[in-house]
Protein backbone atom coordinates (compact mmCIF):
# COMPACT_ATOMS: atom_id res chain seq x y z
CA UNK A 1 61.29 18.70 -107.51
CA UNK A 2 64.99 19.23 -107.12
CA UNK A 3 67.14 16.08 -107.50
CA UNK A 4 69.22 14.92 -104.56
CA UNK A 5 72.65 13.59 -105.49
CA UNK A 6 75.08 11.83 -103.26
CA UNK A 7 78.56 10.50 -104.19
CA UNK A 8 79.78 7.33 -102.77
CA UNK A 9 83.57 7.19 -102.77
CA UNK A 10 84.82 3.69 -102.09
CA UNK A 11 88.27 2.34 -102.36
CA UNK A 12 87.68 0.44 -105.67
CA UNK A 13 84.95 2.52 -107.37
CA UNK A 14 82.96 5.80 -107.03
CA UNK A 15 79.30 6.06 -107.98
CA UNK A 16 76.39 8.31 -107.52
CA UNK A 17 73.08 7.88 -105.75
CA UNK A 18 70.39 10.08 -107.34
CA UNK A 19 67.12 10.64 -105.44
CA UNK A 20 64.07 12.25 -106.87
CA UNK A 21 60.49 11.61 -108.24
CA UNK A 22 59.91 10.57 -111.77
CA UNK A 23 63.52 10.49 -112.78
CA UNK A 24 63.71 7.28 -114.98
CA UNK A 25 64.22 9.71 -117.98
CA UNK A 26 67.73 10.17 -116.82
CA UNK A 27 68.63 6.59 -117.45
CA UNK A 28 69.57 6.53 -121.14
CA UNK A 29 72.00 9.53 -120.79
CA UNK A 30 73.56 8.00 -117.67
CA UNK A 31 74.12 4.53 -119.30
CA UNK A 32 75.91 6.28 -122.32
CA UNK A 33 78.04 8.20 -119.95
CA UNK A 34 78.86 5.37 -117.36
CA UNK A 35 78.83 2.38 -119.80
CA UNK A 36 79.70 3.78 -123.23
CA UNK A 37 80.33 0.34 -124.87
CA UNK A 38 77.04 -1.32 -123.60
CA UNK A 39 74.79 -2.74 -126.44
CA UNK A 40 72.89 -5.31 -124.45
CA UNK A 41 70.90 -4.62 -121.25
CA UNK A 42 69.40 -7.41 -119.04
CA UNK A 43 66.44 -5.67 -117.35
CA UNK A 44 65.71 -7.80 -114.37
CA UNK A 45 62.53 -6.65 -112.54
CA UNK A 46 60.70 -7.78 -109.38
CA UNK A 47 57.28 -8.91 -110.78
CA UNK A 48 55.59 -6.80 -108.15
CA UNK A 49 56.64 -3.61 -109.86
CA UNK A 50 53.58 -1.99 -111.40
CA UNK A 51 53.24 -2.68 -115.13
CA UNK A 52 53.09 1.14 -115.91
CA UNK A 53 56.62 1.58 -114.41
CA UNK A 54 57.91 -1.55 -116.18
CA UNK A 55 56.55 -0.25 -119.52
CA UNK A 56 58.11 3.14 -118.87
CA UNK A 57 61.48 1.63 -118.35
CA UNK A 58 61.21 -0.46 -121.57
CA UNK A 59 60.38 2.64 -123.51
CA UNK A 60 63.38 4.54 -121.99
CA UNK A 61 65.74 1.71 -122.96
CA UNK A 62 64.28 0.91 -126.50
CA UNK A 63 67.50 1.95 -128.34
CA UNK A 64 69.37 -0.88 -126.61
CA UNK A 65 69.23 -4.76 -127.30
CA UNK A 66 67.01 -5.38 -124.20
CA UNK A 67 66.41 -8.80 -122.52
CA UNK A 68 63.56 -8.52 -120.03
CA UNK A 69 63.42 -10.95 -117.20
CA UNK A 70 60.95 -11.14 -114.36
CA UNK A 71 62.10 -12.01 -110.91
CA UNK A 72 59.87 -13.32 -107.97
CA UNK A 73 61.64 -11.60 -105.19
CA UNK A 74 61.24 -13.29 -101.74
CA UNK A 75 63.72 -14.73 -99.20
CA UNK A 76 63.23 -18.19 -100.50
CA UNK A 77 64.19 -17.16 -103.98
CA UNK A 78 67.25 -15.42 -102.48
CA UNK A 79 69.32 -18.51 -103.37
CA UNK A 80 72.14 -20.07 -105.46
CA UNK A 81 69.56 -21.78 -107.56
CA UNK A 82 68.14 -18.26 -108.65
CA UNK A 83 71.62 -16.95 -109.31
CA UNK A 84 72.46 -19.98 -111.58
CA UNK A 85 69.12 -19.41 -113.43
CA UNK A 86 70.09 -15.74 -114.35
CA UNK A 87 73.73 -16.47 -115.05
CA UNK A 88 72.61 -19.11 -117.66
CA UNK A 89 70.21 -16.64 -119.16
CA UNK A 90 73.06 -14.11 -119.63
CA UNK A 91 75.29 -16.83 -121.07
CA UNK A 92 72.58 -17.98 -123.53
CA UNK A 93 72.21 -14.45 -124.63
CA UNK A 94 75.94 -14.01 -125.04
CA UNK A 95 76.41 -10.99 -122.86
CA UNK A 96 79.99 -9.56 -122.51
CA UNK A 97 81.64 -7.62 -119.70
CA UNK A 98 80.96 -4.30 -121.52
CA UNK A 99 77.12 -4.86 -121.45
CA UNK A 100 74.86 -4.04 -118.52
CA UNK A 101 72.55 -5.55 -116.03
CA UNK A 102 69.96 -3.31 -114.43
CA UNK A 103 68.27 -4.62 -111.32
CA UNK A 104 64.73 -3.12 -110.45
CA UNK A 105 63.10 -4.04 -107.27
CA UNK A 106 63.60 -4.03 -103.47
CA UNK A 107 66.62 -5.15 -101.36
CA UNK A 108 66.37 -8.79 -102.22
CA UNK A 109 66.49 -7.99 -105.99
CA UNK A 110 69.52 -5.74 -105.48
CA UNK A 111 71.18 -8.43 -103.35
CA UNK A 112 70.70 -11.25 -105.86
CA UNK A 113 71.10 -9.40 -109.12
CA UNK A 114 74.18 -7.56 -107.80
CA UNK A 115 75.63 -10.94 -106.91
CA UNK A 116 74.73 -12.24 -110.43
CA UNK A 117 76.66 -9.21 -111.86
CA UNK A 118 79.55 -9.70 -109.66
CA UNK A 119 80.04 -13.30 -110.68
CA UNK A 120 79.17 -13.10 -114.35
CA UNK A 121 82.55 -13.30 -116.17
CA UNK A 122 84.07 -11.97 -112.89
CA UNK A 123 82.09 -8.69 -113.08
CA UNK A 124 79.74 -7.07 -115.63
CA UNK A 125 78.34 -3.37 -115.46
CA UNK A 126 75.48 -3.17 -112.92
CA UNK A 127 72.87 -0.32 -112.18
CA UNK A 128 70.60 -0.65 -109.31
CA UNK A 129 67.14 0.91 -109.30
CA UNK A 130 65.61 0.28 -105.79
CA UNK A 131 61.87 0.37 -105.62
CA UNK A 132 61.09 0.09 -101.94
CA UNK A 133 61.85 2.48 -99.12
CA UNK A 134 63.92 -0.26 -97.46
CA UNK A 135 66.19 -0.64 -100.56
CA UNK A 136 66.38 3.21 -101.19
CA UNK A 137 67.76 3.94 -97.58
CA UNK A 138 69.81 0.81 -97.01
CA UNK A 139 70.20 -2.28 -99.29
CA UNK A 140 71.14 -0.31 -102.42
CA UNK A 141 74.12 1.32 -100.72
CA UNK A 142 77.49 -0.12 -100.10
CA UNK A 143 77.94 -2.86 -102.39
CA UNK A 144 76.91 -5.85 -100.36
CA UNK A 145 75.44 -8.52 -102.48
CA UNK A 146 74.52 -12.21 -101.85
CA UNK A 147 72.02 -14.89 -101.10
CA UNK A 148 70.84 -17.09 -98.13
CA UNK A 149 71.61 -20.63 -97.24
CA UNK A 150 69.96 -23.02 -95.02
CA UNK A 151 72.59 -22.16 -92.44
CA UNK A 152 71.72 -18.41 -92.32
CA UNK A 153 70.94 -15.27 -94.06
CA UNK A 154 73.34 -13.56 -96.53
CA UNK A 155 76.20 -16.03 -95.78
CA UNK A 156 77.09 -16.40 -99.54
CA UNK A 157 77.98 -13.26 -101.32
CA UNK A 158 80.43 -10.61 -102.48
CA UNK A 159 81.20 -6.88 -102.33
CA UNK A 160 80.42 -5.31 -105.78
CA UNK A 161 79.67 -1.65 -106.37
CA UNK A 162 77.08 -0.58 -108.95
CA UNK A 163 77.73 2.03 -111.66
CA UNK A 164 74.74 3.96 -110.36
CA UNK A 165 71.98 3.90 -107.91
CA UNK A 166 68.82 5.58 -109.23
CA UNK A 167 66.22 6.06 -106.34
CA UNK A 168 62.92 7.08 -108.03
CA UNK A 169 60.49 7.83 -105.21
CA UNK A 170 57.59 7.28 -107.65
CA UNK A 171 57.89 3.67 -107.00
CA UNK A 172 56.98 4.27 -103.20
CA UNK A 173 53.50 5.56 -104.10
CA UNK A 174 52.03 2.06 -104.21
CA UNK A 175 53.92 0.56 -101.26
CA UNK A 176 51.77 -0.81 -98.46
CA UNK A 177 52.09 0.32 -94.75
CA UNK A 178 53.88 -2.93 -94.03
CA UNK A 179 56.54 -2.20 -96.74
CA UNK A 180 56.90 1.42 -95.52
CA UNK A 181 57.56 0.11 -91.98
CA UNK A 182 60.48 -1.97 -93.44
CA UNK A 183 62.16 1.15 -94.77
CA UNK A 184 61.38 3.20 -91.73
CA UNK A 185 63.01 0.63 -89.50
CA UNK A 186 66.37 1.20 -91.29
CA UNK A 187 65.88 5.01 -91.24
CA UNK A 188 65.33 4.98 -87.45
CA UNK A 189 68.26 2.62 -86.98
CA UNK A 190 70.62 5.08 -88.77
CA UNK A 191 69.44 7.89 -86.68
CA UNK A 192 69.82 5.80 -83.35
CA UNK A 193 73.43 4.70 -84.18
CA UNK A 194 74.75 7.97 -85.51
CA UNK A 195 72.72 11.20 -85.43
CA UNK A 196 70.81 12.42 -82.46
CA UNK A 197 69.57 15.49 -84.29
CA UNK A 198 68.03 13.23 -87.02
CA UNK A 199 66.54 11.17 -84.25
CA UNK A 200 64.90 14.19 -82.84
CA UNK A 201 63.67 15.16 -86.24
CA UNK A 202 62.00 11.75 -86.63
CA UNK A 203 60.38 12.26 -83.32
CA UNK A 204 58.46 15.18 -84.92
CA UNK A 205 58.15 14.14 -88.55
CA UNK A 206 57.92 10.35 -88.77
CA UNK A 207 54.15 10.54 -89.52
CA UNK A 208 54.97 12.48 -92.74
CA UNK A 209 57.17 9.60 -93.90
CA UNK A 210 54.37 7.09 -93.55
CA UNK A 211 51.93 9.60 -95.38
CA UNK A 212 54.54 9.64 -98.24
CA UNK A 213 55.00 13.43 -98.16
CA UNK A 214 57.79 13.98 -100.74
CA UNK A 215 59.50 16.81 -98.86
CA UNK A 216 59.95 14.77 -95.66
CA UNK A 217 60.37 11.56 -97.44
CA UNK A 218 63.22 12.76 -99.71
CA UNK A 219 65.01 14.40 -96.60
CA UNK A 220 64.79 11.11 -94.61
CA UNK A 221 66.13 9.12 -97.53
CA UNK A 222 69.05 11.42 -98.09
CA UNK A 223 69.89 11.56 -94.36
CA UNK A 224 69.67 7.79 -94.16
CA UNK A 225 71.98 7.18 -97.16
CA UNK A 226 74.55 9.73 -95.79
CA UNK A 227 74.71 7.93 -92.54
CA UNK A 228 75.12 4.52 -94.11
CA UNK A 229 77.77 5.87 -96.54
CA UNK A 230 79.74 7.27 -93.64
CA UNK A 231 80.13 3.69 -92.23
CA UNK A 232 80.71 2.07 -95.47
CA UNK A 233 83.40 4.61 -96.43
CA UNK A 234 85.26 3.75 -93.08
CA UNK A 235 85.08 0.09 -93.71
CA UNK A 236 84.02 -1.00 -97.26
CA UNK A 237 84.51 -4.81 -96.60
CA UNK A 238 82.76 -4.86 -93.24
CA UNK A 239 85.73 -5.91 -91.27
CA UNK A 240 85.02 -3.63 -88.23
CA UNK A 241 83.18 -0.38 -87.98
CA UNK A 242 80.60 -1.23 -90.69
CA UNK A 243 79.30 -3.89 -88.32
CA UNK A 244 77.68 -0.93 -86.36
CA UNK A 245 75.01 -0.90 -89.15
CA UNK A 246 73.89 -4.25 -87.86
CA UNK A 247 72.47 -2.75 -84.62
CA UNK A 248 69.10 -4.53 -84.15
CA UNK A 249 70.09 -6.95 -86.70
CA UNK A 250 71.50 -9.76 -84.55
CA UNK A 251 68.11 -10.58 -83.11
CA UNK A 252 66.38 -9.61 -86.34
CA UNK A 253 68.09 -12.10 -88.52
CA UNK A 254 67.64 -14.86 -86.01
CA UNK A 255 63.91 -14.12 -85.97
CA UNK A 256 63.77 -14.26 -89.71
CA UNK A 257 65.66 -17.52 -89.98
CA UNK A 258 63.65 -19.19 -87.26
CA UNK A 259 60.44 -18.12 -89.15
CA UNK A 260 61.95 -19.61 -92.40
CA UNK A 261 61.76 -16.04 -93.98
CA UNK A 262 57.93 -16.40 -93.97
CA UNK A 263 55.57 -13.28 -94.21
CA UNK A 264 54.62 -13.67 -90.53
CA UNK A 265 57.39 -11.05 -89.72
CA UNK A 266 58.93 -8.82 -92.23
CA UNK A 267 62.55 -7.64 -92.15
CA UNK A 268 61.61 -4.18 -90.93
CA UNK A 269 59.34 -5.71 -88.17
CA UNK A 270 62.16 -7.97 -87.07
CA UNK A 271 64.61 -5.05 -87.06
CA UNK A 272 62.26 -2.93 -84.99
CA UNK A 273 61.92 -5.88 -82.53
CA UNK A 274 65.74 -6.47 -82.55
CA UNK A 275 66.44 -2.74 -81.78
CA UNK A 276 64.29 -2.82 -78.73
CA UNK A 277 65.83 -6.10 -77.39
CA UNK A 278 69.35 -5.05 -78.05
CA UNK A 279 68.66 -1.70 -76.49
CA UNK A 280 67.43 -3.51 -73.33
CA UNK A 281 70.45 -5.75 -73.52
CA UNK A 282 72.50 -2.54 -73.55
CA UNK A 283 70.83 -1.42 -70.33
CA UNK A 284 71.19 -4.81 -68.65
CA UNK A 285 74.86 -4.81 -69.46
CA UNK A 286 75.13 -1.18 -68.02
CA UNK A 287 76.01 0.48 -71.33
CA UNK A 288 73.12 2.82 -71.70
CA UNK A 289 70.66 4.41 -69.34
CA UNK A 290 66.98 3.75 -68.99
CA UNK A 291 65.99 7.11 -70.52
CA UNK A 292 67.57 6.05 -73.83
CA UNK A 293 65.20 3.06 -74.02
CA UNK A 294 62.33 5.33 -73.16
CA UNK A 295 63.13 7.82 -75.83
CA UNK A 296 63.25 5.01 -78.55
CA UNK A 297 60.06 3.49 -77.19
CA UNK A 298 58.17 6.84 -77.48
CA UNK A 299 58.85 6.85 -81.31
CA UNK A 300 57.45 3.32 -81.50
CA UNK A 301 54.34 4.31 -79.70
CA UNK A 302 53.78 7.48 -81.66
CA UNK A 303 53.83 5.47 -84.87
CA UNK A 304 51.97 2.39 -83.66
CA UNK A 305 55.04 0.25 -83.97
CA UNK A 306 55.05 -1.29 -80.50
CA UNK A 307 53.26 -4.48 -81.79
CA UNK A 308 56.71 -5.56 -83.31
CA UNK A 309 58.59 -6.19 -80.08
CA UNK A 310 55.44 -7.44 -78.22
CA UNK A 311 55.75 -10.57 -80.21
CA UNK A 312 58.79 -11.44 -78.16
CA UNK A 313 57.32 -11.01 -74.59
CA UNK A 314 58.38 -14.39 -73.04
CA UNK A 315 61.56 -16.06 -71.86
CA UNK A 316 60.89 -18.99 -74.17
CA UNK A 317 60.51 -16.76 -77.26
CA UNK A 318 64.00 -15.26 -76.50
CA UNK A 319 65.71 -18.65 -75.89
CA UNK A 320 64.24 -20.10 -78.99
CA UNK A 321 66.34 -17.59 -81.03
CA UNK A 322 69.65 -18.57 -79.48
CA UNK A 323 70.63 -21.38 -81.85
CA UNK A 324 70.17 -18.99 -84.75
CA UNK A 325 71.94 -16.23 -83.07
CA UNK A 326 75.07 -18.49 -82.93
CA UNK A 327 75.31 -18.38 -86.79
CA UNK A 328 75.23 -14.63 -86.99
CA UNK A 329 77.81 -13.42 -89.55
CA UNK A 330 79.41 -10.98 -87.18
CA UNK A 331 80.53 -13.86 -84.76
CA UNK A 332 84.17 -14.85 -84.92
CA UNK A 333 84.09 -17.28 -82.07
CA UNK A 334 81.70 -19.17 -79.85
CA UNK A 335 80.04 -16.03 -78.42
CA UNK A 336 77.36 -13.86 -79.92
CA UNK A 337 78.69 -10.53 -81.20
CA UNK A 338 76.23 -7.89 -80.34
CA UNK A 339 76.31 -4.17 -81.33
CA UNK A 340 75.01 -2.43 -78.18
CA UNK A 341 73.91 1.13 -77.58
CA UNK A 342 75.56 3.79 -75.37
CA UNK A 343 73.24 6.64 -76.10
CA UNK A 344 71.14 7.95 -78.99
CA UNK A 345 73.75 8.53 -81.77
CA UNK A 346 76.44 6.34 -80.29
CA UNK A 347 77.05 2.57 -80.08
CA UNK A 348 79.62 0.33 -78.59
CA UNK A 349 82.42 -0.75 -80.88
CA UNK A 350 82.17 -4.19 -82.67
CA UNK A 351 83.62 -7.13 -81.09
CA UNK A 352 83.41 -5.38 -77.56
CA UNK A 353 80.14 -7.05 -76.54
CA UNK A 354 80.25 -10.78 -76.97
CA UNK A 355 77.71 -12.74 -74.89
CA UNK A 356 77.75 -16.40 -74.41
CA UNK A 357 74.58 -18.54 -75.02
CA UNK A 358 74.47 -19.29 -71.28
CA UNK A 359 74.68 -15.70 -70.22
CA UNK A 360 71.94 -14.66 -72.82
CA UNK A 361 69.67 -17.42 -71.37
CA UNK A 362 70.15 -15.96 -67.86
CA UNK A 363 69.42 -12.47 -69.11
CA UNK A 364 66.35 -13.61 -71.22
CA UNK A 365 63.84 -13.24 -68.32
CA UNK A 366 65.20 -9.56 -67.66
CA UNK A 367 64.82 -8.77 -71.42
CA UNK A 368 61.01 -9.09 -71.26
CA UNK A 369 60.63 -7.34 -67.95
CA UNK A 370 57.59 -4.97 -68.09
CA UNK A 371 59.64 -2.33 -66.29
CA UNK A 372 61.05 -1.51 -69.67
């Protein structure tokens, strides 16, 4: 199958995103080209990656001095404690800045290992191999790295671009439906905030993404990457426009923190819930019309995703999120900074729709109104 290649051109560094199936064989040549002085490689892999793919990677990199490290990737291990553990492993093996770290796993792996790379001796070469649909369409793009704290999600981190992102869709073959939903949530979000034509394509072909049909899957991954890159290129350090990528995430992050990052609700399910709630909030604030919400809801219904937002069907369930909404990283004053929706493909600008806790409490009853 033909490779898909996308160039990310940031202010500090350019890199490529390569998309295709069974493309790990490209890695040795790419390393020699991008990191010609590399002798040691720290291969840090999510322990859930299938052994056959781990062994395949080891074989491809056998000519390098390889340090293999497993990572138990979950929201609780996305911590400074984990970062310190890996930094000490690198130091004990005497890695220098011309050597290389390769992170292999989902978004959590990319966030944590990217942060490790950004802080080790103030920056070591880093290649990201995302292994989940979520990380291939979202987390691996744009250079955001970091960890959680007890005060909120992703509050400690840095912006650090990899040398390369290699998205091998062979990793997706073993993903569960729940994990595919995680990635699909971000694909749908990208369409909603930027591309009505892509949204209409998803209305017809979303089923093929869940069936892991390579033709449709590769197209959706590439389109999603291009939309995210559009916003990242406009605002590499997330000072303004890039915040639009957080549509649905204000509520979603609050849900995850409230649930202490448990498996009761995945990131994708939280985002799907958040997008519905923030679309309804957009309507209540007279920013979008009712048809926009109906169009979004139709995709949920067609793909059996309505269960996500039905978890938040009471005034108390909304109000319980408010203390966590206050700590959202987009906030720059006492109000909650929402990204709201004008129409499919168009959102409000960041910092234009700030809502106080008291106002949100008043709106919470309307947010769960069955008329939606």
